[in-house]
Amino acid sequence: MALVAEMVSPGHRDRTRDRVRKRRDYARAGIPIYIISDDYDDLGTVTMLIGPRPDEAGYAAEHRVPYGTSLTIPEGPAKGFVIDESITGPPRTQG
């Protein structure tokens, strides 16, 4: 598998599972890119984790951007695919 992309679930346990446990599990499994779309992080963020380190259960690089900011898949079959406002919607504001 070249890439996993997920939305964070709303419950506290689910958010912990999606943000922490799955990150470790996917790194251990060698998933090269893990993308997390998170409505519950600030005003919405997309995080891309790259370069799994299975022995450390972590990733070499993390790119986190607010909704509305472009993020481009750097490698693999989805190389060049852009996650942007057309997917996440415009940047959110408090108010």
PDB file of N, CA and C in Angstrom:
ATOM      1  N   MET A   1       0.852  -1.172   0.000  1.00  0.00           N
ATOM      2  CA  MET A   1       0.000   0.000   0.000  1.00  0.00           C
ATOM      3  C   MET A   1       0.899   1.235   0.000  1.00  0.00           C
ATOM      4  N   ALA A   2       0.581   2.196  -0.857  1.00  0.00           N
ATOM      5  CA  ALA A   2       1.438   3.365  -1.008  1.00  0.00           C
ATOM      6  C   ALA A   2       1.020   4.551  -0.156  1.00  0.00           C
ATOM      7  N   LEU A   3      -0.253   4.592   0.261  1.00  0.00           N
ATOM      8  CA  LEU A   3      -0.735   5.769   0.952  1.00  0.00           C
ATOM      9  C   LEU A   3      -2.005   5.425   1.722  1.00  0.00           C
ATOM     10  N   VAL A   4      -2.156   6.013   2.901  1.00  0.00           N
ATOM     11  CA  VAL A   4      -3.401   5.914   3.660  1.00  0.00           C
ATOM     12  C   VAL A   4      -3.845   7.340   3.945  1.00  0.00           C
ATOM     13  N   ALA A   5      -5.120   7.637   3.680  1.00  0.00           N
ATOM     14  CA  ALA A   5      -5.688   8.954   3.984  1.00  0.00           C
ATOM     15  C   ALA A   5      -6.957   8.735   4.795  1.00  0.00           C
ATOM     16  N   GLU A   6      -7.067   9.469   5.900  1.00  0.00           N
ATOM     17  CA  GLU A   6      -8.210   9.283   6.793  1.00  0.00           C
ATOM     18  C   GLU A   6      -8.692  10.606   7.358  1.00  0.00           C
ATOM     19  N   MET A   7      -9.949  10.589   7.764  1.00  0.00           N
ATOM     20  CA  MET A   7     -10.556  11.691   8.501  1.00  0.00           C
ATOM     21  C   MET A   7     -10.560  11.293   9.975  1.00  0.00           C
ATOM     22  N   VAL A   8     -10.225  12.227  10.856  1.00  0.00           N
ATOM     23  CA  VAL A   8     -10.254  11.964  12.289  1.00  0.00           C
ATOM     24  C   VAL A   8     -11.712  11.903  12.740  1.00  0.00           C
ATOM     25  N   SER A   9     -12.019  10.908  13.547  1.00  0.00           N
ATOM     26  CA  SER A   9     -13.370  10.719  14.070  1.00  0.00           C
ATOM     27  C   SER A   9     -13.622  11.643  15.257  1.00  0.00           C
ATOM     28  N   PRO A  10     -14.903  11.937  15.561  1.00  0.00           N
ATOM     29  CA  PRO A  10     -15.210  12.965  16.560  1.00  0.00           C
ATOM     30  C   PRO A  10     -14.996  12.609  18.028  1.00  0.00           C
ATOM     31  N   GLY A  11     -15.167  11.383  18.444  1.00  0.00           N
ATOM     32  CA  GLY A  11     -15.036  11.054  19.860  1.00  0.00           C
ATOM     33  C   GLY A  11     -13.605  11.150  20.366  1.00  0.00           C
ATOM     34  N   HIS A  12     -13.437  11.457  21.666  1.00  0.00           N
ATOM     35  CA  HIS A  12     -12.091  11.598  22.239  1.00  0.00           C
ATOM     36  C   HIS A  12     -11.251  10.344  22.012  1.00  0.00           C
ATOM     37  N   ARG A  13     -11.806   9.182  22.286  1.00  0.00           N
ATOM     38  CA  ARG A  13     -11.060   7.928  22.062  1.00  0.00           C
ATOM     39  C   ARG A  13     -10.708   7.745  20.597  1.00  0.00           C
ATOM     40  N   ASP A  14     -11.664   8.094  19.728  1.00  0.00           N
ATOM     41  CA  ASP A  14     -11.427   7.958  18.294  1.00  0.00           C
ATOM     42  C   ASP A  14     -10.328   8.899  17.826  1.00  0.00           C
ATOM     43  N   ARG A  15     -10.332  10.124  18.346  1.00  0.00           N
ATOM     44  CA  ARG A  15      -9.288  11.081  17.963  1.00  0.00           C
ATOM     45  C   ARG A  15      -7.917  10.581  18.403  1.00  0.00           C
ATOM     46  N   THR A  16      -7.841  10.034  19.611  1.00  0.00           N
ATOM     47  CA  THR A  16      -6.569   9.480  20.087  1.00  0.00           C
ATOM     48  C   THR A  16      -6.132   8.319  19.201  1.00  0.00           C
ATOM     49  N   ARG A  17      -7.072   7.457  18.857  1.00  0.00           N
ATOM     50  CA  ARG A  17      -6.753   6.323  17.977  1.00  0.00           C
ATOM     51  C   ARG A  17      -6.226   6.818  16.642  1.00  0.00           C
ATOM     52  N   ASP A  18      -6.924   7.783  16.029  1.00  0.00           N
ATOM     53  CA  ASP A  18      -6.546   8.253  14.698  1.00  0.00           C
ATOM     54  C   ASP A  18      -5.241   9.037  14.705  1.00  0.00           C
ATOM     55  N   ARG A  19      -5.011   9.840  15.738  1.00  0.00           N
ATOM     56  CA  ARG A  19      -3.821  10.705  15.780  1.00  0.00           C
ATOM     57  C   ARG A  19      -2.573  10.010  16.310  1.00  0.00           C
ATOM     58  N   VAL A  20      -2.748   9.032  17.197  1.00  0.00           N
ATOM     59  CA  VAL A  20      -1.594   8.433  17.868  1.00  0.00           C
ATOM     60  C   VAL A  20      -1.413   6.964  17.492  1.00  0.00           C
ATOM     61  N   ARG A  21      -2.380   6.142  17.818  1.00  0.00           N
ATOM     62  CA  ARG A  21      -2.214   4.696  17.598  1.00  0.00           C
ATOM     63  C   ARG A  21      -2.042   4.340  16.128  1.00  0.00           C
ATOM     64  N   LYS A  22      -2.907   4.886  15.275  1.00  0.00           N
ATOM     65  CA  LYS A  22      -2.801   4.548  13.853  1.00  0.00           C
ATOM     66  C   LYS A  22      -1.488   5.057  13.268  1.00  0.00           C
ATOM     67  N   ARG A  23      -1.049   6.213  13.700  1.00  0.00           N
ATOM     68  CA  ARG A  23       0.232   6.759  13.231  1.00  0.00           C
ATOM     69  C   ARG A  23       1.353   5.755  13.515  1.00  0.00           C
ATOM     70  N   ARG A  24       1.392   5.226  14.737  1.00  0.00           N
ATOM     71  CA  ARG A  24       2.417   4.230  15.091  1.00  0.00           C
ATOM     72  C   ARG A  24       2.242   2.947  14.294  1.00  0.00           C
ATOM     73  N   ASP A  25       0.985   2.482  14.190  1.00  0.00           N
ATOM     74  CA  ASP A  25       0.713   1.232  13.472  1.00  0.00           C
ATOM     75  C   ASP A  25       1.102   1.325  11.997  1.00  0.00           C
ATOM     76  N   TYR A  26       0.747   2.441  11.352  1.00  0.00           N
ATOM     77  CA  TYR A  26       1.081   2.599   9.936  1.00  0.00           C
ATOM     78  C   TYR A  26       2.591   2.732   9.738  1.00  0.00           C
ATOM     79  N   ALA A  27       3.266   3.407  10.641  1.00  0.00           N
ATOM     80  CA  ALA A  27       4.727   3.508  10.540  1.00  0.00           C
ATOM     81  C   ALA A  27       5.356   2.119  10.681  1.00  0.00           C
ATOM     82  N   ARG A  28       4.893   1.357  11.661  1.00  0.00           N
ATOM     83  CA  ARG A  28       5.414  -0.009  11.847  1.00  0.00           C
ATOM     84  C   ARG A  28       5.172  -0.876  10.616  1.00  0.00           C
ATOM     85  N   ALA A  29       4.030  -0.647   9.943  1.00  0.00           N
ATOM     86  CA  ALA A  29       3.686  -1.427   8.750  1.00  0.00           C
ATOM     87  C   ALA A  29       4.417  -0.943   7.505  1.00  0.00           C
ATOM     88  N   GLY A  30       5.143   0.182   7.619  1.00  0.00           N
ATOM     89  CA  GLY A  30       5.905   0.694   6.484  1.00  0.00           C
ATOM     90  C   GLY A  30       5.078   1.479   5.473  1.00  0.00           C
ATOM     91  N   ILE A  31       3.906   1.978   5.871  1.00  0.00           N
ATOM     92  CA  ILE A  31       3.087   2.788   4.965  1.00  0.00           C
ATOM     93  C   ILE A  31       3.867   4.071   4.667  1.00  0.00           C
ATOM     94  N   PRO A  32       4.220   4.309   3.403  1.00  0.00           N
ATOM     95  CA  PRO A  32       5.112   5.427   3.095  1.00  0.00           C
ATOM     96  C   PRO A  32       4.526   6.816   3.340  1.00  0.00           C
ATOM     97  N   ILE A  33       3.211   6.969   3.163  1.00  0.00           N
ATOM     98  CA  ILE A  33       2.585   8.272   3.376  1.00  0.00           C
ATOM     99  C   ILE A  33       1.268   8.068   4.120  1.00  0.00           C
ATOM    100  N   TYR A  34       1.088   8.804   5.206  1.00  0.00           N
ATOM    101  CA  TYR A  34      -0.152   8.774   5.979  1.00  0.00           C
ATOM    102  C   TYR A  34      -0.678  10.199   6.047  1.00  0.00           C
ATOM    103  N   ILE A  35      -1.887  10.395   5.543  1.00  0.00           N
ATOM    104  CA  ILE A  35      -2.508  11.717   5.527  1.00  0.00           C
ATOM    105  C   ILE A  35      -3.690  11.714   6.481  1.00  0.00           C
ATOM    106  N   ILE A  36      -3.715  12.707   7.356  1.00  0.00           N
ATOM    107  CA  ILE A  36      -4.775  12.826   8.360  1.00  0.00           C
ATOM    108  C   ILE A  36      -5.480  14.167   8.161  1.00  0.00           C
ATOM    109  N   SER A  37      -6.762  14.106   7.854  1.00  0.00           N
ATOM    110  CA  SER A  37      -7.580  15.316   7.786  1.00  0.00           C
ATOM    111  C   SER A  37      -8.314  15.414   9.115  1.00  0.00           C
ATOM    112  N   ASP A  38      -8.124  16.534   9.809  1.00  0.00           N
ATOM    113  CA  ASP A  38      -8.579  16.619  11.195  1.00  0.00           C
ATOM    114  C   ASP A  38      -9.423  17.873  11.448  1.00  0.00           C
ATOM    115  N   ASP A  39     -10.737  17.690  11.476  1.00  0.00           N
ATOM    116  CA  ASP A  39     -11.664  18.793  11.766  1.00  0.00           C
ATOM    117  C   ASP A  39     -11.533  19.284  13.197  1.00  0.00           C
ATOM    118  N   TYR A  40     -10.932  18.501  14.081  1.00  0.00           N
ATOM    119  CA  TYR A  40     -10.892  18.794  15.516  1.00  0.00           C
ATOM    120  C   TYR A  40      -9.553  19.361  15.982  1.00  0.00           C
ATOM    121  N   ASP A  41      -8.648  19.630  15.069  1.00  0.00           N
ATOM    122  CA  ASP A  41      -7.347  20.210  15.376  1.00  0.00           C
ATOM    123  C   ASP A  41      -7.402  21.687  14.995  1.00  0.00           C
ATOM    124  N   ASP A  42      -7.408  22.544  15.993  1.00  0.00           N
ATOM    125  CA  ASP A  42      -7.558  23.985  15.755  1.00  0.00           C
ATOM    126  C   ASP A  42      -8.810  24.224  14.908  1.00  0.00           C
ATOM    127  N   LEU A  43      -8.641  24.868  13.772  1.00  0.00           N
ATOM    128  CA  LEU A  43      -9.777  25.144  12.885  1.00  0.00           C
ATOM    129  C   LEU A  43      -9.772  24.210  11.679  1.00  0.00           C
ATOM    130  N   GLY A  44      -9.119  23.083  11.818  1.00  0.00           N
ATOM    131  CA  GLY A  44      -9.023  22.088  10.756  1.00  0.00           C
ATOM    132  C   GLY A  44      -7.629  22.057  10.168  1.00  0.00           C
ATOM    133  N   THR A  45      -7.034  20.875  10.140  1.00  0.00           N
ATOM    134  CA  THR A  45      -5.688  20.724   9.579  1.00  0.00           C
ATOM    135  C   THR A  45      -5.589  19.455   8.745  1.00  0.00           C
ATOM    136  N   VAL A  46      -4.621  19.465   7.866  1.00  0.00           N
ATOM    137  CA  VAL A  46      -4.227  18.268   7.133  1.00  0.00           C
ATOM    138  C   VAL A  46      -2.773  18.013   7.509  1.00  0.00           C
ATOM    139  N   THR A  47      -2.497  16.785   7.940  1.00  0.00           N
ATOM    140  CA  THR A  47      -1.142  16.396   8.296  1.00  0.00           C
ATOM    141  C   THR A  47      -0.694  15.286   7.358  1.00  0.00           C
ATOM    142  N   MET A  48       0.489  15.434   6.776  1.00  0.00           N
ATOM    143  CA  MET A  48       1.057  14.401   5.928  1.00  0.00           C
ATOM    144  C   MET A  48       2.334  13.905   6.595  1.00  0.00           C
ATOM    145  N   LEU A  49       2.366  12.611   6.869  1.00  0.00           N
ATOM    146  CA  LEU A  49       3.534  11.964   7.462  1.00  0.00           C
ATOM    147  C   LEU A  49       4.232  11.159   6.370  1.00  0.00           C
ATOM    148  N   ILE A  50       5.550  11.320   6.272  1.00  0.00           N
ATOM    149  CA  ILE A  50       6.330  10.697   5.200  1.00  0.00           C
ATOM    150  C   ILE A  50       7.560  10.020   5.793  1.00  0.00           C
ATOM    151  N   GLY A  51       7.949   8.913   5.181  1.00  0.00           N
ATOM    152  CA  GLY A  51       9.186   8.251   5.582  1.00  0.00           C
ATOM    153  C   GLY A  51       9.033   7.432   6.839  1.00  0.00           C
ATOM    154  N   PRO A  52       8.306   6.332   6.750  1.00  0.00           N
ATOM    155  CA  PRO A  52       8.104   5.518   7.953  1.00  0.00           C
ATOM    156  C   PRO A  52       9.415   4.984   8.518  1.00  0.00           C
ATOM    157  N   ARG A  53       9.458   4.945   9.829  1.00  0.00           N
ATOM    158  CA  ARG A  53      10.579   4.338  10.553  1.00  0.00           C
ATOM    159  C   ARG A  53       9.983   3.221  11.409  1.00  0.00           C
ATOM    160  N   PRO A  54       9.816   2.044  10.812  1.00  0.00           N
ATOM    161  CA  PRO A  54       9.132   0.952  11.506  1.00  0.00           C
ATOM    162  C   PRO A  54       9.723   0.604  12.869  1.00  0.00           C
ATOM    163  N   ASP A  55      11.039   0.630  12.993  1.00  0.00           N
ATOM    164  CA  ASP A  55      11.668   0.282  14.271  1.00  0.00           C
ATOM    165  C   ASP A  55      11.355   1.297  15.366  1.00  0.00           C
ATOM    166  N   GLU A  56      11.064   2.530  14.975  1.00  0.00           N
ATOM    167  CA  GLU A  56      10.767   3.598  15.925  1.00  0.00           C
ATOM    168  C   GLU A  56       9.269   3.869  16.050  1.00  0.00           C
ATOM    169  N   ALA A  57       8.468   3.199  15.201  1.00  0.00           N
ATOM    170  CA  ALA A  57       7.014   3.424  15.159  1.00  0.00           C
ATOM    171  C   ALA A  57       6.703   4.898  14.945  1.00  0.00           C
ATOM    172  N   GLY A  58       7.445   5.521  14.023  1.00  0.00           N
ATOM    173  CA  GLY A  58       7.231   6.933  13.732  1.00  0.00           C
ATOM    174  C   GLY A  58       7.573   7.245  12.287  1.00  0.00           C
ATOM    175  N   TYR A  59       7.479   8.512  11.952  1.00  0.00           N
ATOM    176  CA  TYR A  59       7.775   8.979  10.603  1.00  0.00           C
ATOM    177  C   TYR A  59       8.926   9.975  10.632  1.00  0.00           C
ATOM    178  N   ALA A  60       9.679  10.018   9.543  1.00  0.00           N
ATOM    179  CA  ALA A  60      10.830  10.913   9.444  1.00  0.00           C
ATOM    180  C   ALA A  60      10.412  12.369   9.285  1.00  0.00           C
ATOM    181  N   ALA A  61       9.287  12.606   8.601  1.00  0.00           N
ATOM    182  CA  ALA A  61       8.871  13.983   8.337  1.00  0.00           C
ATOM    183  C   ALA A  61       7.371  14.138   8.541  1.00  0.00           C
ATOM    184  N   GLU A  62       7.003  15.318   9.031  1.00  0.00           N
ATOM    185  CA  GLU A  62       5.595  15.657   9.241  1.00  0.00           C
ATOM    186  C   GLU A  62       5.348  17.055   8.683  1.00  0.00           C
ATOM    187  N   HIS A  63       4.308  17.166   7.842  1.00  0.00           N
ATOM    188  CA  HIS A  63       3.910  18.448   7.278  1.00  0.00           C
ATOM    189  C   HIS A  63       2.460  18.686   7.693  1.00  0.00           C
ATOM    190  N   ARG A  64       2.214  19.745   8.453  1.00  0.00           N
ATOM    191  CA  ARG A  64       0.874  20.046   8.971  1.00  0.00           C
ATOM    192  C   ARG A  64       0.478  21.438   8.503  1.00  0.00           C
ATOM    193  N   VAL A  65      -0.678  21.514   7.820  1.00  0.00           N
ATOM    194  CA  VAL A  65      -1.147  22.800   7.296  1.00  0.00           C
ATOM    195  C   VAL A  65      -2.618  22.995   7.650  1.00  0.00           C
ATOM    196  N   PRO A  66      -3.042  24.251   7.784  1.00  0.00           N
ATOM    197  CA  PRO A  66      -4.457  24.502   8.045  1.00  0.00           C
ATOM    198  C   PRO A  66      -5.300  24.243   6.790  1.00  0.00           C
ATOM    199  N   TYR A  67      -6.569  23.937   6.997  1.00  0.00           N
ATOM    200  CA  TYR A  67      -7.484  23.789   5.875  1.00  0.00           C
ATOM    201  C   TYR A  67      -7.372  25.008   4.965  1.00  0.00           C
ATOM    202  N   GLY A  68      -7.456  24.760   3.669  1.00  0.00           N
ATOM    203  CA  GLY A  68      -7.363  25.832   2.688  1.00  0.00           C
ATOM    204  C   GLY A  68      -5.961  26.040   2.159  1.00  0.00           C
ATOM    205  N   THR A  69      -4.956  25.417   2.792  1.00  0.00           N
ATOM    206  CA  THR A  69      -3.563  25.501   2.349  1.00  0.00           C
ATOM    207  C   THR A  69      -3.244  24.263   1.523  1.00  0.00           C
ATOM    208  N   SER A  70      -2.557  24.435   0.420  1.00  0.00           N
ATOM    209  CA  SER A  70      -2.234  23.314  -0.465  1.00  0.00           C
ATOM    210  C   SER A  70      -1.135  22.433   0.112  1.00  0.00           C
ATOM    211  N   LEU A  71      -1.294  21.141  -0.087  1.00  0.00           N
ATOM    212  CA  LEU A  71      -0.308  20.143   0.318  1.00  0.00           C
ATOM    213  C   LEU A  71      -0.223  19.140  -0.834  1.00  0.00           C
ATOM    214  N   THR A  72       0.966  18.894  -1.347  1.00  0.00           N
ATOM    215  CA  THR A  72       1.149  18.042  -2.518  1.00  0.00           C
ATOM    216  C   THR A  72       1.805  16.726  -2.131  1.00  0.00           C
ATOM    217  N   ILE A  73       1.240  15.621  -2.606  1.00  0.00           N
ATOM    218  CA  ILE A  73       1.814  14.289  -2.368  1.00  0.00           C
ATOM    219  C   ILE A  73       3.152  14.230  -3.115  1.00  0.00           C
ATOM    220  N   PRO A  74       4.256  13.939  -2.403  1.00  0.00           N
ATOM    221  CA  PRO A  74       5.577  14.043  -3.023  1.00  0.00           C
ATOM    222  C   PRO A  74       6.078  12.800  -3.763  1.00  0.00           C
ATOM    223  N   GLU A  75       5.436  11.646  -3.550  1.00  0.00           N
ATOM    224  CA  GLU A  75       5.983  10.412  -4.125  1.00  0.00           C
ATOM    225  C   GLU A  75       4.895   9.367  -4.296  1.00  0.00           C
ATOM    226  N   GLY A  76       5.253   8.278  -4.951  1.00  0.00           N
ATOM    227  CA  GLY A  76       4.345   7.159  -5.128  1.00  0.00           C
ATOM    228  C   GLY A  76       3.331   7.389  -6.243  1.00  0.00           C
ATOM    229  N   PRO A  77       2.353   6.486  -6.357  1.00  0.00           N
ATOM    230  CA  PRO A  77       1.367   6.568  -7.434  1.00  0.00           C
ATOM    231  C   PRO A  77       0.536   7.858  -7.415  1.00  0.00           C
ATOM    232  N   ALA A  78       0.382   8.467  -6.256  1.00  0.00           N
ATOM    233  CA  ALA A  78      -0.402   9.706  -6.149  1.00  0.00           C
ATOM    234  C   ALA A  78       0.493  10.950  -6.230  1.00  0.00           C
ATOM    235  N   LYS A  79       1.752  10.776  -6.603  1.00  0.00           N
ATOM    236  CA  LYS A  79       2.692  11.904  -6.682  1.00  0.00           C
ATOM    237  C   LYS A  79       2.079  13.051  -7.482  1.00  0.00           C
ATOM    238  N   GLY A  80       2.144  14.246  -6.894  1.00  0.00           N
ATOM    239  CA  GLY A  80       1.627  15.421  -7.572  1.00  0.00           C
ATOM    240  C   GLY A  80       0.181  15.746  -7.243  1.00  0.00           C
ATOM    241  N   PHE A  81      -0.528  14.809  -6.610  1.00  0.00           N
ATOM    242  CA  PHE A  81      -1.916  15.076  -6.216  1.00  0.00           C
ATOM    243  C   PHE A  81      -1.913  16.154  -5.143  1.00  0.00           C
ATOM    244  N   VAL A  82      -2.782  17.144  -5.316  1.00  0.00           N
ATOM    245  CA  VAL A  82      -2.812  18.279  -4.405  1.00  0.00           C
ATOM    246  C   VAL A  82      -4.065  18.211  -3.525  1.00  0.00           C
ATOM    247  N   ILE A  83      -3.828  18.295  -2.231  1.00  0.00           N
ATOM    248  CA  ILE A  83      -4.923  18.429  -1.266  1.00  0.00           C
ATOM    249  C   ILE A  83      -5.019  19.925  -0.994  1.00  0.00           C
ATOM    250  N   ASP A  84      -6.131  20.513  -1.412  1.00  0.00           N
ATOM    251  CA  ASP A  84      -6.261  21.956  -1.277  1.00  0.00           C
ATOM    252  C   ASP A  84      -7.686  22.328  -0.888  1.00  0.00           C
ATOM    253  N   GLU A  85      -8.010  23.567  -1.079  1.00  0.00           N
ATOM    254  CA  GLU A  85      -9.309  24.112  -0.703  1.00  0.00           C
ATOM    255  C   GLU A  85     -10.470  23.374  -1.374  1.00  0.00           C
ATOM    256  N   SER A  86     -10.242  22.806  -2.550  1.00  0.00           N
ATOM    257  CA  SER A  86     -11.313  22.075  -3.222  1.00  0.00           C
ATOM    258  C   SER A  86     -11.680  20.795  -2.465  1.00  0.00           C
ATOM    259  N   ILE A  87     -10.785  20.322  -1.599  1.00  0.00           N
ATOM    260  CA  ILE A  87     -11.034  19.121  -0.795  1.00  0.00           C
ATOM    261  C   ILE A  87     -11.396  19.483   0.634  1.00  0.00           C
ATOM    262  N   THR A  88     -10.658  20.393   1.238  1.00  0.00           N
ATOM    263  CA  THR A  88     -10.874  20.719   2.657  1.00  0.00           C
ATOM    264  C   THR A  88     -11.863  21.858   2.874  1.00  0.00           C
ATOM    265  N   GLY A  89     -12.096  22.633   1.852  1.00  0.00           N
ATOM    266  CA  GLY A  89     -12.873  23.860   2.004  1.00  0.00           C
ATOM    267  C   GLY A  89     -11.934  24.996   2.333  1.00  0.00           C
ATOM    268  N   PRO A  90     -12.467  26.212   2.373  1.00  0.00           N
ATOM    269  CA  PRO A  90     -11.613  27.374   2.647  1.00  0.00           C
ATOM    270  C   PRO A  90     -11.114  27.370   4.081  1.00  0.00           C
ATOM    271  N   PRO A  91     -10.103  28.188   4.355  1.00  0.00           N
ATOM    272  CA  PRO A  91      -9.622  28.298   5.733  1.00  0.00           C
ATOM    273  C   PRO A  91     -10.779  28.689   6.646  1.00  0.00           C
ATOM    274  N   ARG A  92     -10.791  28.120   7.824  1.00  0.00           N
ATOM    275  CA  ARG A  92     -11.840  28.442   8.806  1.00  0.00           C
ATOM    276  C   ARG A  92     -11.384  29.602   9.655  1.00  0.00           C
ATOM    277  N   THR A  93     -12.347  30.323  10.181  1.00  0.00           N
ATOM    278  CA  THR A  93     -12.034  31.429  11.071  1.00  0.00           C
ATOM    279  C   THR A  93     -12.830  31.284  12.344  1.00  0.00           C
ATOM    280  N   GLN A  94     -12.296  31.837  13.420  1.00  0.00           N
ATOM    281  CA  GLN A  94     -13.038  31.825  14.676  1.00  0.00           C
ATOM    282  C   GLN A  94     -14.084  32.923  14.614  1.00  0.00           C
ATOM    283  N   GLY A  95     -15.176  32.654  15.281  1.00  0.00           N
ATOM    284  CA  GLY A  95     -16.146  33.723  15.293  1.00  0.00           C
ATOM    285  C   GLY A  95     -17.499  33.298  15.445  1.00  0.00           C
TER     286      GLY A  95
END
